[in-house]
N, C-alpha and C. Protein backbone atom coordinates (compact mmCIF):
# COMPACT_ATOMS: atom_id res chain seq x y z
N UNK A 1 7.40 -9.43 -0.61
CA UNK A 1 6.34 -10.24 -1.18
C UNK A 1 6.28 -11.61 -0.50
N UNK A 2 7.43 -12.24 -0.37
CA UNK A 2 7.48 -13.55 0.29
C UNK A 2 7.09 -13.43 1.76
N UNK A 3 7.50 -12.33 2.40
CA UNK A 3 7.16 -12.14 3.81
C UNK A 3 5.65 -12.00 3.99
N UNK A 4 5.02 -11.20 3.13
CA UNK A 4 3.58 -11.02 3.23
C UNK A 4 2.84 -12.34 3.00
N UNK A 5 3.34 -13.14 2.06
CA UNK A 5 2.71 -14.43 1.80
C UNK A 5 2.87 -15.36 2.99
N UNK A 6 4.02 -15.28 3.67
CA UNK A 6 4.23 -16.11 4.86
C UNK A 6 3.33 -15.69 6.01
N UNK A 7 2.95 -14.40 6.04
CA UNK A 7 2.09 -13.89 7.11
C UNK A 7 0.63 -14.23 6.85
N UNK A 8 0.17 -13.99 5.62
CA UNK A 8 -1.25 -14.15 5.32
C UNK A 8 -1.61 -15.52 4.77
N UNK A 9 -0.68 -16.18 4.09
CA UNK A 9 -0.92 -17.50 3.49
C UNK A 9 -2.12 -17.50 2.55
N UNK A 10 -2.40 -16.35 1.98
CA UNK A 10 -3.50 -16.22 1.02
C UNK A 10 -3.04 -15.25 -0.06
N UNK A 11 -3.01 -15.72 -1.29
CA UNK A 11 -2.41 -14.94 -2.36
C UNK A 11 -3.15 -13.63 -2.62
N UNK A 12 -4.47 -13.66 -2.57
CA UNK A 12 -5.25 -12.45 -2.81
C UNK A 12 -4.97 -11.40 -1.73
N UNK A 13 -4.97 -11.83 -0.46
CA UNK A 13 -4.70 -10.90 0.64
C UNK A 13 -3.27 -10.37 0.53
N UNK A 14 -2.34 -11.25 0.13
CA UNK A 14 -0.94 -10.84 -0.05
C UNK A 14 -0.83 -9.75 -1.11
N UNK A 15 -1.52 -9.93 -2.23
CA UNK A 15 -1.47 -8.93 -3.30
C UNK A 15 -2.13 -7.63 -2.88
N UNK A 16 -3.22 -7.72 -2.12
CA UNK A 16 -3.86 -6.50 -1.61
C UNK A 16 -2.91 -5.75 -0.68
N UNK A 17 -2.25 -6.47 0.21
CA UNK A 17 -1.32 -5.85 1.16
C UNK A 17 -0.10 -5.30 0.43
N UNK A 18 0.40 -6.04 -0.56
CA UNK A 18 1.58 -5.61 -1.31
C UNK A 18 1.28 -4.34 -2.10
N UNK A 19 0.15 -4.31 -2.81
CA UNK A 19 -0.21 -3.13 -3.60
C UNK A 19 -0.48 -1.93 -2.70
N UNK A 20 -1.07 -2.17 -1.53
CA UNK A 20 -1.31 -1.08 -0.58
C UNK A 20 0.01 -0.53 -0.03
N UNK A 21 0.96 -1.42 0.25
CA UNK A 21 2.25 -0.96 0.77
C UNK A 21 2.98 -0.09 -0.25
N UNK A 22 2.91 -0.46 -1.53
CA UNK A 22 3.53 0.36 -2.58
C UNK A 22 2.80 1.70 -2.69
N UNK A 23 1.48 1.66 -2.61
CA UNK A 23 0.68 2.88 -2.66
C UNK A 23 1.08 3.82 -1.52
N UNK A 24 1.24 3.29 -0.31
CA UNK A 24 1.60 4.13 0.84
C UNK A 24 3.02 4.68 0.70
N UNK A 25 3.93 3.87 0.15
CA UNK A 25 5.31 4.34 -0.05
C UNK A 25 5.37 5.50 -1.04
N UNK A 26 4.52 5.43 -2.05
CA UNK A 26 4.53 6.45 -3.10
C UNK A 26 3.55 7.59 -2.81
N UNK A 27 2.82 7.49 -1.72
CA UNK A 27 1.79 8.50 -1.42
C UNK A 27 2.37 9.92 -1.35
N UNK A 28 3.51 10.14 -0.68
CA UNK A 28 4.05 11.51 -0.64
C UNK A 28 4.30 12.09 -2.03
N UNK A 29 4.81 11.25 -2.95
CA UNK A 29 5.05 11.73 -4.31
C UNK A 29 3.74 11.96 -5.05
N UNK A 30 2.76 11.07 -4.85
CA UNK A 30 1.45 11.26 -5.47
C UNK A 30 0.80 12.55 -5.00
N UNK A 31 0.91 12.80 -3.70
CA UNK A 31 0.32 14.01 -3.13
C UNK A 31 1.04 15.26 -3.66
N UNK A 32 2.38 15.18 -3.73
CA UNK A 32 3.16 16.31 -4.25
C UNK A 32 2.81 16.59 -5.71
N UNK A 33 2.59 15.53 -6.49
CA UNK A 33 2.19 15.69 -7.88
C UNK A 33 0.85 16.38 -7.99
N UNK A 34 -0.09 15.96 -7.15
CA UNK A 34 -1.43 16.56 -7.17
C UNK A 34 -1.39 18.03 -6.78
N UNK A 35 -0.64 18.35 -5.73
CA UNK A 35 -0.51 19.74 -5.30
C UNK A 35 0.13 20.58 -6.40
N UNK A 36 1.18 20.04 -7.01
CA UNK A 36 1.88 20.75 -8.08
C UNK A 36 0.97 20.95 -9.29
N UNK A 37 0.18 19.93 -9.63
CA UNK A 37 -0.72 20.04 -10.77
C UNK A 37 -1.81 21.08 -10.52
N UNK A 38 -2.30 21.13 -9.28
CA UNK A 38 -3.31 22.14 -8.94
C UNK A 38 -2.72 23.55 -9.08
N UNK A 39 -1.46 23.71 -8.67
CA UNK A 39 -0.80 25.02 -8.78
C UNK A 39 -0.60 25.39 -10.26
N UNK A 40 -0.22 24.39 -11.06
CA UNK A 40 -0.04 24.64 -12.49
C UNK A 40 -1.37 25.09 -13.12
N UNK A 41 -2.47 24.43 -12.74
CA UNK A 41 -3.78 24.79 -13.28
C UNK A 41 -4.16 26.21 -12.88
N UNK A 42 -3.86 26.58 -11.63
CA UNK A 42 -4.17 27.93 -11.15
C UNK A 42 -3.35 28.98 -11.90
N UNK A 43 -2.08 28.68 -12.12
CA UNK A 43 -1.21 29.62 -12.84
C UNK A 43 -1.66 29.76 -14.29
N UNK A 44 -2.00 28.62 -14.91
CA UNK A 44 -2.47 28.65 -16.30
C UNK A 44 -3.70 29.54 -16.45
N UNK A 45 -4.62 29.38 -15.50
CA UNK A 45 -5.86 30.17 -15.58
C UNK A 45 -5.58 31.67 -15.54
N UNK A 46 -4.51 32.07 -14.88
CA UNK A 46 -4.17 33.49 -14.76
C UNK A 46 -3.30 33.98 -15.91
N UNK A 47 -2.33 33.15 -16.33
CA UNK A 47 -1.32 33.64 -17.27
C UNK A 47 -1.73 33.48 -18.74
N UNK A 48 -2.55 32.49 -19.05
CA UNK A 48 -2.89 32.26 -20.45
C UNK A 48 -3.68 33.42 -21.07
N UNK A 49 -4.63 34.02 -20.35
CA UNK A 49 -5.30 35.20 -20.95
C UNK A 49 -4.33 36.35 -21.19
N UNK A 50 -3.35 36.51 -20.30
CA UNK A 50 -2.35 37.57 -20.46
C UNK A 50 -1.50 37.31 -21.71
N UNK A 51 -1.07 36.06 -21.88
CA UNK A 51 -0.25 35.68 -23.03
C UNK A 51 -1.04 35.85 -24.32
N UNK A 52 -2.31 35.47 -24.31
CA UNK A 52 -3.16 35.62 -25.50
C UNK A 52 -3.29 37.09 -25.88
N UNK A 53 -3.45 37.94 -24.87
CA UNK A 53 -3.56 39.37 -25.12
C UNK A 53 -2.26 39.93 -25.70
N UNK A 54 -1.13 39.46 -25.19
CA UNK A 54 0.17 39.91 -25.70
C UNK A 54 0.34 39.51 -27.16
N UNK A 55 -0.06 38.29 -27.49
CA UNK A 55 0.10 37.80 -28.87
C UNK A 55 -0.78 38.55 -29.86
N UNK A 56 -1.89 39.08 -29.36
CA UNK A 56 -2.78 39.85 -30.24
C UNK A 56 -2.16 41.20 -30.60
N UNK A 57 -1.50 41.82 -29.63
CA UNK A 57 -1.01 43.19 -29.83
C UNK A 57 0.49 43.28 -30.17
N UNK A 58 1.23 42.22 -29.93
CA UNK A 58 2.67 42.28 -30.18
C UNK A 58 3.12 41.02 -30.92
N UNK A 59 4.28 41.12 -31.51
CA UNK A 59 4.87 39.93 -32.16
C UNK A 59 6.38 40.02 -32.09
N UNK A 60 7.02 38.95 -32.52
CA UNK A 60 8.47 38.92 -32.56
C UNK A 60 9.11 39.00 -31.19
N UNK A 61 10.25 39.66 -31.15
CA UNK A 61 11.04 39.76 -29.92
C UNK A 61 10.29 40.52 -28.83
N UNK A 62 9.53 41.52 -29.20
CA UNK A 62 8.78 42.30 -28.22
C UNK A 62 7.75 41.42 -27.50
N UNK A 63 7.05 40.58 -28.27
CA UNK A 63 6.07 39.67 -27.67
C UNK A 63 6.77 38.67 -26.75
N UNK A 64 7.92 38.18 -27.21
CA UNK A 64 8.67 37.23 -26.39
C UNK A 64 9.09 37.86 -25.06
N UNK A 65 9.58 39.07 -25.11
CA UNK A 65 10.03 39.75 -23.89
C UNK A 65 8.87 39.99 -22.92
N UNK A 66 7.72 40.35 -23.48
CA UNK A 66 6.56 40.61 -22.62
C UNK A 66 6.03 39.31 -22.01
N UNK A 67 6.08 38.24 -22.78
CA UNK A 67 5.65 36.93 -22.26
C UNK A 67 6.57 36.48 -21.13
N UNK A 68 7.89 36.67 -21.33
CA UNK A 68 8.86 36.31 -20.29
C UNK A 68 8.64 37.17 -19.04
N UNK A 69 8.30 38.44 -19.25
CA UNK A 69 8.05 39.33 -18.12
C UNK A 69 6.78 38.91 -17.36
N UNK A 70 5.78 38.43 -18.12
CA UNK A 70 4.54 37.96 -17.49
C UNK A 70 4.81 36.76 -16.58
N UNK A 71 5.68 35.85 -17.04
CA UNK A 71 6.08 34.70 -16.20
C UNK A 71 6.85 35.18 -14.97
N UNK A 72 7.72 36.16 -15.18
CA UNK A 72 8.52 36.68 -14.07
C UNK A 72 7.64 37.35 -13.03
N UNK A 73 6.62 38.08 -13.50
CA UNK A 73 5.70 38.76 -12.58
C UNK A 73 4.93 37.77 -11.71
N UNK A 74 4.71 36.56 -12.26
CA UNK A 74 4.00 35.53 -11.50
C UNK A 74 4.96 34.59 -10.77
N UNK A 75 6.25 34.94 -10.83
CA UNK A 75 7.28 34.18 -10.11
C UNK A 75 7.35 32.73 -10.56
N UNK A 76 7.23 32.50 -11.88
CA UNK A 76 7.37 31.16 -12.44
C UNK A 76 8.23 31.24 -13.70
N UNK A 77 8.77 30.11 -14.11
CA UNK A 77 9.51 30.04 -15.36
C UNK A 77 8.56 29.54 -16.46
N UNK A 78 8.93 29.69 -17.73
CA UNK A 78 8.08 29.16 -18.81
C UNK A 78 7.94 27.64 -18.77
N UNK A 79 8.77 26.97 -17.96
CA UNK A 79 8.73 25.51 -17.88
C UNK A 79 8.00 25.03 -16.62
N UNK A 80 7.16 25.90 -16.04
CA UNK A 80 6.50 25.55 -14.78
C UNK A 80 5.58 24.33 -14.92
N UNK A 81 5.10 24.05 -16.14
CA UNK A 81 4.18 22.92 -16.33
C UNK A 81 4.89 21.57 -16.23
N UNK A 82 6.23 21.59 -16.26
CA UNK A 82 6.98 20.33 -16.23
C UNK A 82 7.15 19.78 -14.81
N UNK A 83 6.91 20.59 -13.80
CA UNK A 83 7.16 20.14 -12.43
C UNK A 83 6.36 18.90 -12.05
N UNK A 84 5.03 18.85 -12.32
CA UNK A 84 4.29 17.63 -11.99
C UNK A 84 4.83 16.39 -12.71
N UNK A 85 5.27 16.60 -13.95
CA UNK A 85 5.82 15.49 -14.74
C UNK A 85 7.11 14.97 -14.10
N UNK A 86 7.97 15.88 -13.67
CA UNK A 86 9.23 15.49 -13.05
C UNK A 86 9.00 14.73 -11.74
N UNK A 87 8.03 15.19 -10.96
CA UNK A 87 7.71 14.49 -9.71
C UNK A 87 7.17 13.09 -10.00
N UNK A 88 6.33 12.99 -11.04
CA UNK A 88 5.79 11.68 -11.43
C UNK A 88 6.89 10.74 -11.87
N UNK A 89 7.89 11.26 -12.59
CA UNK A 89 8.99 10.42 -13.08
C UNK A 89 9.80 9.81 -11.95
N UNK A 90 9.79 10.45 -10.78
CA UNK A 90 10.51 9.90 -9.63
C UNK A 90 9.94 8.54 -9.20
N UNK A 91 8.70 8.28 -9.57
CA UNK A 91 8.06 7.02 -9.19
C UNK A 91 8.44 5.87 -10.12
N UNK A 92 8.95 6.19 -11.30
CA UNK A 92 9.20 5.18 -12.32
C UNK A 92 10.13 4.06 -11.84
N UNK A 93 11.27 4.36 -11.19
CA UNK A 93 12.14 3.26 -10.73
C UNK A 93 11.43 2.30 -9.78
N UNK A 94 10.57 2.82 -8.91
CA UNK A 94 9.83 1.97 -7.98
C UNK A 94 8.85 1.07 -8.74
N UNK A 95 8.17 1.66 -9.72
CA UNK A 95 7.21 0.89 -10.51
C UNK A 95 7.89 -0.19 -11.33
N UNK A 96 9.04 0.13 -11.91
CA UNK A 96 9.79 -0.85 -12.69
C UNK A 96 10.26 -2.00 -11.79
N UNK A 97 10.78 -1.64 -10.61
CA UNK A 97 11.24 -2.67 -9.66
C UNK A 97 10.08 -3.54 -9.21
N UNK A 98 8.92 -2.92 -8.97
CA UNK A 98 7.74 -3.68 -8.56
C UNK A 98 7.31 -4.67 -9.63
N UNK A 99 7.29 -4.22 -10.87
CA UNK A 99 6.90 -5.11 -11.97
C UNK A 99 7.90 -6.25 -12.13
N UNK A 100 9.19 -5.95 -11.93
CA UNK A 100 10.20 -7.00 -12.01
C UNK A 100 10.00 -8.04 -10.92
N UNK A 101 9.68 -7.57 -9.71
CA UNK A 101 9.44 -8.49 -8.59
C UNK A 101 8.26 -9.40 -8.90
N UNK A 102 7.16 -8.81 -9.36
CA UNK A 102 5.96 -9.59 -9.64
C UNK A 102 6.17 -10.55 -10.81
N UNK A 103 6.90 -10.08 -11.82
CA UNK A 103 7.13 -10.92 -12.99
C UNK A 103 8.04 -12.10 -12.72
N UNK A 104 8.91 -11.97 -11.70
CA UNK A 104 9.89 -13.03 -11.43
C UNK A 104 9.61 -13.78 -10.13
N UNK A 105 8.57 -13.39 -9.38
CA UNK A 105 8.28 -14.04 -8.10
C UNK A 105 7.92 -15.51 -8.30
N UNK A 106 8.65 -16.37 -7.61
CA UNK A 106 8.42 -17.82 -7.76
C UNK A 106 7.05 -18.24 -7.25
N UNK A 107 6.49 -17.51 -6.28
CA UNK A 107 5.19 -17.90 -5.73
C UNK A 107 4.06 -17.67 -6.72
N UNK A 108 4.33 -16.93 -7.81
CA UNK A 108 3.30 -16.69 -8.82
C UNK A 108 3.24 -17.78 -9.86
N UNK A 109 4.29 -18.56 -9.99
CA UNK A 109 4.34 -19.60 -11.02
C UNK A 109 3.44 -20.76 -10.64
N UNK A 110 2.45 -20.98 -11.47
CA UNK A 110 1.50 -22.05 -11.22
C UNK A 110 0.42 -21.69 -10.22
N UNK A 111 0.45 -20.47 -9.70
CA UNK A 111 -0.54 -20.05 -8.71
C UNK A 111 -1.88 -19.77 -9.38
N UNK A 112 -2.95 -20.26 -8.80
CA UNK A 112 -4.30 -20.07 -9.33
C UNK A 112 -5.06 -19.07 -8.46
N UNK A 113 -5.92 -18.29 -9.12
CA UNK A 113 -6.73 -17.31 -8.39
C UNK A 113 -7.97 -17.02 -9.23
N UNK A 114 -9.13 -17.23 -8.62
CA UNK A 114 -10.40 -17.07 -9.32
C UNK A 114 -10.41 -17.94 -10.58
N UNK A 115 -10.64 -17.33 -11.75
CA UNK A 115 -10.66 -18.08 -13.00
C UNK A 115 -9.27 -18.20 -13.63
N UNK A 116 -8.26 -17.59 -13.01
CA UNK A 116 -6.91 -17.56 -13.58
C UNK A 116 -6.20 -18.87 -13.25
N UNK A 117 -5.83 -19.60 -14.28
CA UNK A 117 -5.18 -20.90 -14.08
C UNK A 117 -3.74 -20.75 -13.61
N UNK A 118 -3.05 -19.71 -14.10
CA UNK A 118 -1.64 -19.50 -13.74
C UNK A 118 -1.36 -18.00 -13.82
N UNK A 119 -1.03 -17.40 -12.67
CA UNK A 119 -0.80 -15.96 -12.62
C UNK A 119 0.43 -15.52 -13.41
N UNK A 120 1.30 -16.46 -13.73
CA UNK A 120 2.51 -16.13 -14.47
C UNK A 120 2.24 -15.98 -15.97
N UNK A 121 1.00 -16.26 -16.40
CA UNK A 121 0.63 -16.17 -17.81
C UNK A 121 -0.66 -15.36 -17.94
N UNK A 122 -0.97 -14.87 -19.14
CA UNK A 122 -2.24 -14.14 -19.33
C UNK A 122 -3.43 -15.01 -18.96
N UNK A 123 -4.48 -14.38 -18.47
CA UNK A 123 -5.67 -15.12 -18.00
C UNK A 123 -6.59 -15.46 -19.17
N UNK A 124 -6.15 -16.31 -20.04
CA UNK A 124 -6.94 -16.68 -21.21
C UNK A 124 -8.19 -17.45 -20.79
N UNK A 125 -9.36 -16.97 -21.22
CA UNK A 125 -10.62 -17.65 -20.90
C UNK A 125 -11.24 -18.28 -22.14
N UNK A 126 -10.74 -17.92 -23.32
CA UNK A 126 -11.26 -18.50 -24.56
C UNK A 126 -10.28 -18.20 -25.69
N UNK A 127 -10.43 -18.92 -26.79
CA UNK A 127 -9.60 -18.71 -27.96
C UNK A 127 -10.48 -18.46 -29.17
N UNK A 128 -10.26 -17.35 -29.84
CA UNK A 128 -11.04 -17.01 -31.03
C UNK A 128 -10.49 -17.73 -32.26
N UNK A 129 -11.34 -17.98 -33.24
CA UNK A 129 -10.86 -18.61 -34.49
C UNK A 129 -10.09 -17.63 -35.38
N UNK A 130 -9.97 -16.40 -34.93
CA UNK A 130 -9.26 -15.37 -35.70
C UNK A 130 -8.51 -14.49 -34.72
N UNK A 131 -7.56 -13.71 -35.24
CA UNK A 131 -6.76 -12.83 -34.39
C UNK A 131 -7.23 -11.39 -34.52
N UNK A 132 -7.33 -10.72 -33.39
CA UNK A 132 -7.68 -9.30 -33.38
C UNK A 132 -6.38 -8.48 -33.38
N UNK A 133 -6.26 -7.50 -34.27
CA UNK A 133 -5.03 -6.70 -34.30
C UNK A 133 -4.69 -6.13 -32.92
N UNK A 134 -3.42 -6.26 -32.54
CA UNK A 134 -2.85 -5.78 -31.28
C UNK A 134 -3.25 -6.63 -30.07
N UNK A 135 -4.29 -7.46 -30.18
CA UNK A 135 -4.75 -8.25 -29.05
C UNK A 135 -4.53 -9.75 -29.23
N UNK A 136 -4.52 -10.22 -30.48
CA UNK A 136 -4.31 -11.64 -30.73
C UNK A 136 -5.61 -12.42 -30.70
N UNK A 137 -5.50 -13.73 -30.59
CA UNK A 137 -6.69 -14.59 -30.64
C UNK A 137 -7.14 -15.06 -29.26
N UNK A 138 -6.29 -14.87 -28.25
CA UNK A 138 -6.65 -15.29 -26.89
C UNK A 138 -7.51 -14.21 -26.22
N UNK A 139 -8.60 -14.63 -25.61
CA UNK A 139 -9.50 -13.70 -24.92
C UNK A 139 -9.15 -13.69 -23.44
N UNK A 140 -8.77 -12.53 -22.94
CA UNK A 140 -8.43 -12.36 -21.53
C UNK A 140 -9.42 -11.39 -20.89
N UNK A 141 -9.81 -11.67 -19.67
CA UNK A 141 -10.81 -10.86 -18.98
C UNK A 141 -10.19 -9.75 -18.12
N UNK A 142 -9.07 -10.05 -17.47
CA UNK A 142 -8.46 -9.09 -16.55
C UNK A 142 -8.13 -7.74 -17.18
N UNK A 143 -7.55 -7.69 -18.39
CA UNK A 143 -7.24 -6.38 -18.97
C UNK A 143 -8.46 -5.49 -19.13
N UNK A 144 -9.63 -6.08 -19.39
CA UNK A 144 -10.86 -5.28 -19.53
C UNK A 144 -11.31 -4.76 -18.16
N UNK A 145 -11.15 -5.59 -17.12
CA UNK A 145 -11.47 -5.14 -15.77
C UNK A 145 -10.54 -3.99 -15.37
N UNK A 146 -9.25 -4.14 -15.72
CA UNK A 146 -8.27 -3.10 -15.40
C UNK A 146 -8.62 -1.80 -16.14
N UNK A 147 -8.99 -1.90 -17.41
CA UNK A 147 -9.35 -0.71 -18.19
C UNK A 147 -10.58 -0.03 -17.60
N UNK A 148 -11.55 -0.83 -17.14
CA UNK A 148 -12.74 -0.26 -16.51
C UNK A 148 -12.38 0.44 -15.20
N UNK A 149 -11.48 -0.16 -14.42
CA UNK A 149 -11.03 0.46 -13.16
C UNK A 149 -10.32 1.78 -13.44
N UNK A 150 -9.52 1.82 -14.51
CA UNK A 150 -8.83 3.05 -14.90
C UNK A 150 -9.83 4.13 -15.29
N UNK A 151 -10.87 3.72 -16.02
CA UNK A 151 -11.91 4.66 -16.45
C UNK A 151 -12.70 5.17 -15.23
N UNK A 152 -12.99 4.29 -14.29
CA UNK A 152 -13.72 4.68 -13.09
C UNK A 152 -12.91 5.67 -12.26
N UNK A 153 -11.60 5.42 -12.15
CA UNK A 153 -10.73 6.33 -11.42
C UNK A 153 -10.74 7.71 -12.05
N UNK A 154 -10.66 7.76 -13.37
CA UNK A 154 -10.67 9.04 -14.08
C UNK A 154 -12.02 9.74 -13.90
N UNK A 155 -13.10 8.98 -13.90
CA UNK A 155 -14.44 9.54 -13.74
C UNK A 155 -14.61 10.23 -12.39
N UNK A 156 -14.22 9.54 -11.32
CA UNK A 156 -14.41 10.10 -9.99
C UNK A 156 -13.36 11.18 -9.66
N UNK A 157 -12.20 11.09 -10.29
CA UNK A 157 -11.15 12.07 -10.03
C UNK A 157 -11.42 13.39 -10.72
N UNK A 158 -12.25 13.37 -11.77
CA UNK A 158 -12.54 14.58 -12.55
C UNK A 158 -13.99 15.02 -12.37
N UNK A 159 -14.43 15.02 -11.10
CA UNK A 159 -15.77 15.52 -10.77
C UNK A 159 -16.87 14.81 -11.55
N UNK A 160 -16.74 13.48 -11.61
CA UNK A 160 -17.75 12.63 -12.26
C UNK A 160 -17.98 13.02 -13.72
N UNK A 161 -16.88 13.28 -14.40
CA UNK A 161 -16.93 13.58 -15.83
C UNK A 161 -15.90 12.72 -16.55
N UNK A 162 -16.22 12.33 -17.76
CA UNK A 162 -15.30 11.54 -18.57
C UNK A 162 -14.93 12.32 -19.82
N UNK A 163 -13.65 12.45 -20.05
CA UNK A 163 -13.16 13.14 -21.24
C UNK A 163 -12.69 12.12 -22.27
N UNK A 164 -12.45 12.60 -23.46
CA UNK A 164 -11.94 11.73 -24.52
C UNK A 164 -10.58 11.15 -24.12
N UNK A 165 -9.76 11.96 -23.46
CA UNK A 165 -8.43 11.50 -23.05
C UNK A 165 -8.53 10.33 -22.07
N UNK A 166 -9.59 10.31 -21.24
CA UNK A 166 -9.77 9.21 -20.29
C UNK A 166 -10.03 7.90 -21.03
N UNK A 167 -10.86 7.96 -22.07
CA UNK A 167 -11.13 6.76 -22.88
C UNK A 167 -9.88 6.31 -23.63
N UNK A 168 -9.14 7.29 -24.15
CA UNK A 168 -7.91 6.96 -24.88
C UNK A 168 -6.89 6.31 -23.94
N UNK A 169 -6.76 6.86 -22.72
CA UNK A 169 -5.82 6.30 -21.75
C UNK A 169 -6.21 4.88 -21.35
N UNK A 170 -7.50 4.66 -21.11
CA UNK A 170 -7.98 3.33 -20.73
C UNK A 170 -7.75 2.33 -21.86
N UNK A 171 -8.03 2.75 -23.10
CA UNK A 171 -7.79 1.88 -24.25
C UNK A 171 -6.30 1.59 -24.41
N UNK A 172 -5.48 2.60 -24.16
CA UNK A 172 -4.02 2.41 -24.26
C UNK A 172 -3.52 1.41 -23.25
N UNK A 173 -4.00 1.50 -21.99
CA UNK A 173 -3.62 0.54 -20.96
C UNK A 173 -4.11 -0.86 -21.31
N UNK A 174 -5.31 -0.94 -21.88
CA UNK A 174 -5.86 -2.24 -22.28
C UNK A 174 -4.95 -2.93 -23.30
N UNK A 175 -4.55 -2.18 -24.32
CA UNK A 175 -3.69 -2.75 -25.37
C UNK A 175 -2.30 -3.07 -24.82
N UNK A 176 -1.77 -2.16 -23.99
CA UNK A 176 -0.43 -2.35 -23.44
C UNK A 176 -0.35 -3.56 -22.53
N UNK A 177 -1.33 -3.72 -21.65
CA UNK A 177 -1.29 -4.78 -20.65
C UNK A 177 -1.86 -6.11 -21.15
N UNK A 178 -2.52 -6.10 -22.30
CA UNK A 178 -3.23 -7.31 -22.75
C UNK A 178 -2.34 -8.55 -22.82
N UNK A 179 -1.13 -8.47 -23.35
CA UNK A 179 -0.30 -9.68 -23.42
C UNK A 179 0.49 -9.97 -22.15
N UNK A 180 0.37 -9.10 -21.12
CA UNK A 180 1.16 -9.26 -19.90
C UNK A 180 0.67 -10.44 -19.06
N UNK A 181 1.54 -10.99 -18.21
CA UNK A 181 1.11 -12.02 -17.25
C UNK A 181 -0.03 -11.49 -16.38
N UNK A 182 -0.91 -12.37 -15.98
CA UNK A 182 -2.10 -11.97 -15.22
C UNK A 182 -1.73 -11.25 -13.93
N UNK A 183 -0.62 -11.62 -13.29
CA UNK A 183 -0.23 -11.01 -12.03
C UNK A 183 0.03 -9.51 -12.20
N UNK A 184 0.64 -9.11 -13.31
CA UNK A 184 0.93 -7.70 -13.54
C UNK A 184 -0.36 -6.91 -13.79
N UNK A 185 -1.27 -7.52 -14.56
CA UNK A 185 -2.56 -6.85 -14.83
C UNK A 185 -3.38 -6.75 -13.55
N UNK A 186 -3.36 -7.81 -12.76
CA UNK A 186 -4.09 -7.81 -11.49
C UNK A 186 -3.52 -6.77 -10.53
N UNK A 187 -2.20 -6.69 -10.47
CA UNK A 187 -1.57 -5.71 -9.60
C UNK A 187 -1.98 -4.29 -9.98
N UNK A 188 -1.92 -3.97 -11.28
CA UNK A 188 -2.27 -2.62 -11.72
C UNK A 188 -3.74 -2.33 -11.48
N UNK A 189 -4.58 -3.34 -11.58
CA UNK A 189 -6.00 -3.18 -11.26
C UNK A 189 -6.18 -2.84 -9.79
N UNK A 190 -5.47 -3.56 -8.92
CA UNK A 190 -5.55 -3.29 -7.48
C UNK A 190 -5.02 -1.90 -7.14
N UNK A 191 -3.96 -1.48 -7.82
CA UNK A 191 -3.42 -0.13 -7.61
C UNK A 191 -4.48 0.92 -7.94
N UNK A 192 -5.18 0.74 -9.05
CA UNK A 192 -6.23 1.69 -9.43
C UNK A 192 -7.36 1.69 -8.40
N UNK A 193 -7.70 0.51 -7.88
CA UNK A 193 -8.75 0.43 -6.86
C UNK A 193 -8.32 1.11 -5.56
N UNK A 194 -7.04 0.98 -5.20
CA UNK A 194 -6.53 1.68 -4.02
C UNK A 194 -6.56 3.19 -4.24
N UNK A 195 -6.19 3.64 -5.45
CA UNK A 195 -6.26 5.07 -5.77
C UNK A 195 -7.70 5.57 -5.61
N UNK A 196 -8.64 4.75 -6.08
CA UNK A 196 -10.05 5.11 -5.98
C UNK A 196 -10.49 5.19 -4.52
N UNK A 197 -10.06 4.21 -3.73
CA UNK A 197 -10.40 4.20 -2.30
C UNK A 197 -9.83 5.42 -1.59
N UNK A 198 -8.59 5.76 -1.90
CA UNK A 198 -7.95 6.94 -1.28
C UNK A 198 -8.67 8.22 -1.69
N UNK A 199 -9.16 8.24 -2.93
CA UNK A 199 -9.90 9.42 -3.40
C UNK A 199 -11.14 9.65 -2.55
N UNK A 200 -11.89 8.59 -2.26
CA UNK A 200 -13.11 8.72 -1.47
C UNK A 200 -12.79 9.02 0.00
N UNK A 201 -11.62 8.60 0.46
CA UNK A 201 -11.22 8.89 1.83
C UNK A 201 -10.73 10.34 1.96
N UNK A 202 -9.92 10.76 0.99
CA UNK A 202 -9.32 12.09 1.06
C UNK A 202 -10.32 13.20 0.81
N UNK A 203 -11.25 12.98 -0.10
CA UNK A 203 -12.16 14.05 -0.51
C UNK A 203 -12.97 14.63 0.65
N UNK A 204 -13.66 13.81 1.46
CA UNK A 204 -14.40 14.41 2.58
C UNK A 204 -13.50 15.05 3.63
N UNK A 205 -12.29 14.51 3.80
CA UNK A 205 -11.35 15.09 4.77
C UNK A 205 -10.93 16.48 4.33
N UNK A 206 -10.57 16.61 3.06
CA UNK A 206 -10.16 17.92 2.55
C UNK A 206 -11.33 18.90 2.57
N UNK A 207 -12.54 18.40 2.30
CA UNK A 207 -13.72 19.25 2.31
C UNK A 207 -13.98 19.77 3.73
N UNK A 208 -13.78 18.89 4.71
CA UNK A 208 -13.98 19.28 6.12
C UNK A 208 -13.01 20.39 6.53
N UNK A 209 -11.71 20.18 6.19
CA UNK A 209 -10.71 21.17 6.59
C UNK A 209 -10.89 22.49 5.84
N UNK A 210 -11.40 22.41 4.61
CA UNK A 210 -11.65 23.62 3.84
C UNK A 210 -12.76 24.44 4.49
N UNK A 211 -13.79 23.74 4.98
CA UNK A 211 -14.91 24.42 5.66
C UNK A 211 -14.48 24.95 7.02
N UNK A 212 -13.58 24.18 7.68
CA UNK A 212 -13.16 24.57 9.02
C UNK A 212 -12.13 25.69 9.02
N UNK A 213 -11.56 25.99 7.85
CA UNK A 213 -10.55 27.03 7.75
C UNK A 213 -11.15 28.40 8.08
N UNK A 214 -10.53 29.15 8.96
CA UNK A 214 -11.09 30.45 9.32
C UNK A 214 -11.06 31.43 8.16
N UNK A 215 -12.06 32.26 8.11
CA UNK A 215 -12.16 33.26 7.02
C UNK A 215 -11.24 34.44 7.32
C-alpha cells in the first residue's frame, strides 16, 4: 500500500491499483469457484429429478441406498455442493488481512477524497434528528453506492436478472458496512467494480472461444 502510494502519489489511483492487485491475486480462486459452481449446477440439473423420482417410489433405507447409488453413478459425493464454498473460504484470510491493512494504514488517517473528510471514519454527509435502527443518525453516502454496485454486479452476472436474494445480499452489505470507516467501504466498492469490469472482459472472450470450438 505504501509502495503504491509512493509510486502514484494519488490516493484514488493507489486504491484502484491496490484493489486491482488483490483482485488479480485472487483471480485463480475466483475462477475455480465459478467453474466449480457451474459443475455443481450441471450435476444438480441431472441428479435432482432422479432423487425426486426415488423419493416418490421408495422410502427409508431403500431410498437412501438408491440416492447414494445415484450419486455414485454420477461420480460425486452427496457433499458435492460444498466444493465452491470451500474454495471461496480459501480467500477469507486474504480478505481479512486486506481489511486489517486498510483499517490500520497511517496514510488513511486524515486523508480526504471527494466529499469524504477523513477516510479513517465513516463518510458522514448529514446528521438526522432521529436514529434509524441498525444505521444510526449519521447519513453516509458510500454504503449506498457500494450496495448499488453489489446489485449491479449481481444483475449482470445473472443474465441481466435480479432475484430476491440479490436485494437481500445488497441490503445485508449495506447494513454491515454502514458503520465501517470510509476506506473499507470504498475498497469493497472498487472490488465490486473490478468484478464487474472483469465480467464484461471475460464474457466476450469465453463466447468467442465457445464459437471457435470445433464441433
